[in-house]
């Protein structure tokens, strides 16, 4: 499982993702090749492309957001 910390939450195309859980927060890609960009705590962009059915987990830890995913969910 890979992870990344960010100071910002996510904004992405609703046509590509759905939220499947609220506690914990989990998003699932509903299309193949769903792109997402997460900016780490230093402001560096990390661009990823998910397979259909790929899941992105989100946790709020104090003032930061932790995103984590399975490497096998990436294209």
Protein backbone atom coordinates (compact mmCIF):
# COMPACT_ATOMS: atom_id res chain seq x y z
CA UNK A 1 0.00 0.00 0.00
CA UNK A 2 1.34 3.42 -0.97
CA UNK A 3 0.51 6.67 0.80
CA UNK A 4 0.95 10.41 0.49
CA UNK A 5 0.31 13.33 2.85
CA UNK A 6 -1.25 16.56 1.62
CA UNK A 7 -2.44 19.84 3.10
CA UNK A 8 -5.46 19.81 0.73
CA UNK A 9 -8.40 17.52 0.20
CA UNK A 10 -9.40 16.30 -3.26
CA UNK A 11 -11.22 17.80 -6.19
CA UNK A 12 -11.73 15.51 -9.15
CA UNK A 13 -14.15 14.76 -11.96
CA UNK A 14 -17.40 13.34 -10.59
CA UNK A 15 -17.82 11.40 -13.82
CA UNK A 16 -14.68 9.38 -12.94
CA UNK A 17 -15.10 8.77 -9.18
CA UNK A 18 -17.75 7.96 -6.57
CA UNK A 19 -17.52 8.02 -2.80
CA UNK A 20 -18.33 4.49 -1.59
CA UNK A 21 -17.74 5.00 2.14
CA UNK A 22 -17.96 7.89 4.59
CA UNK A 23 -16.29 6.26 7.63
CA UNK A 24 -13.56 5.72 6.54
CA UNK A 25 -13.69 7.92 3.43
CA UNK A 26 -13.08 5.80 0.33
CA UNK A 27 -13.42 6.82 -3.31
CA UNK A 28 -13.67 4.32 -6.18
CA UNK A 29 -12.82 4.87 -9.82
CA UNK A 30 -15.84 4.12 -12.01
CA UNK A 31 -13.92 4.40 -15.29
CA UNK A 32 -10.65 2.98 -16.54
CA UNK A 33 -7.77 5.48 -16.73
CA UNK A 34 -9.21 7.82 -14.05
CA UNK A 35 -6.62 10.56 -13.48
CA UNK A 36 -6.00 12.26 -10.17
CA UNK A 37 -3.43 14.79 -8.96
CA UNK A 38 -2.51 15.06 -5.29
CA UNK A 39 -0.26 17.86 -4.05
CA UNK A 40 2.03 16.75 -1.23
CA UNK A 41 2.84 18.87 1.84
CA UNK A 42 5.61 20.63 -0.15
CA UNK A 43 3.21 21.53 -2.96
CA UNK A 44 4.68 19.01 -5.42
CA UNK A 45 2.10 17.39 -7.72
CA UNK A 46 1.78 13.62 -7.85
CA UNK A 47 -0.21 12.50 -10.89
CA UNK A 48 -1.69 9.03 -10.90
CA UNK A 49 -4.03 7.08 -13.15
CA UNK A 50 -6.31 4.48 -11.60
CA UNK A 51 -7.88 1.38 -13.09
CA UNK A 52 -11.65 0.97 -13.01
CA UNK A 53 -12.57 -0.21 -9.50
CA UNK A 54 -9.40 1.26 -7.98
CA UNK A 55 -9.86 2.69 -4.51
CA UNK A 56 -8.40 5.80 -2.90
CA UNK A 57 -8.63 6.05 0.90
CA UNK A 58 -8.60 9.40 2.70
CA UNK A 59 -7.93 10.13 6.37
CA UNK A 60 -7.69 13.50 8.10
CA UNK A 61 -4.83 13.50 10.60
CA UNK A 62 -4.66 16.78 12.51
CA UNK A 63 -4.14 19.46 9.83
CA UNK A 64 -3.10 17.04 7.06
CA UNK A 65 -4.81 14.58 4.77
CA UNK A 66 -3.39 11.10 4.24
CA UNK A 67 -4.21 9.39 0.97
CA UNK A 68 -3.42 5.73 0.50
CA UNK A 69 -4.05 3.17 -2.23
CA UNK A 70 -2.96 -0.23 -3.48
CA UNK A 71 -0.25 -0.07 -6.15
CA UNK A 72 -2.18 -2.69 -8.14
CA UNK A 73 -5.04 -0.16 -8.53
CA UNK A 74 -2.79 2.12 -10.63
CA UNK A 75 -2.44 1.89 -14.40
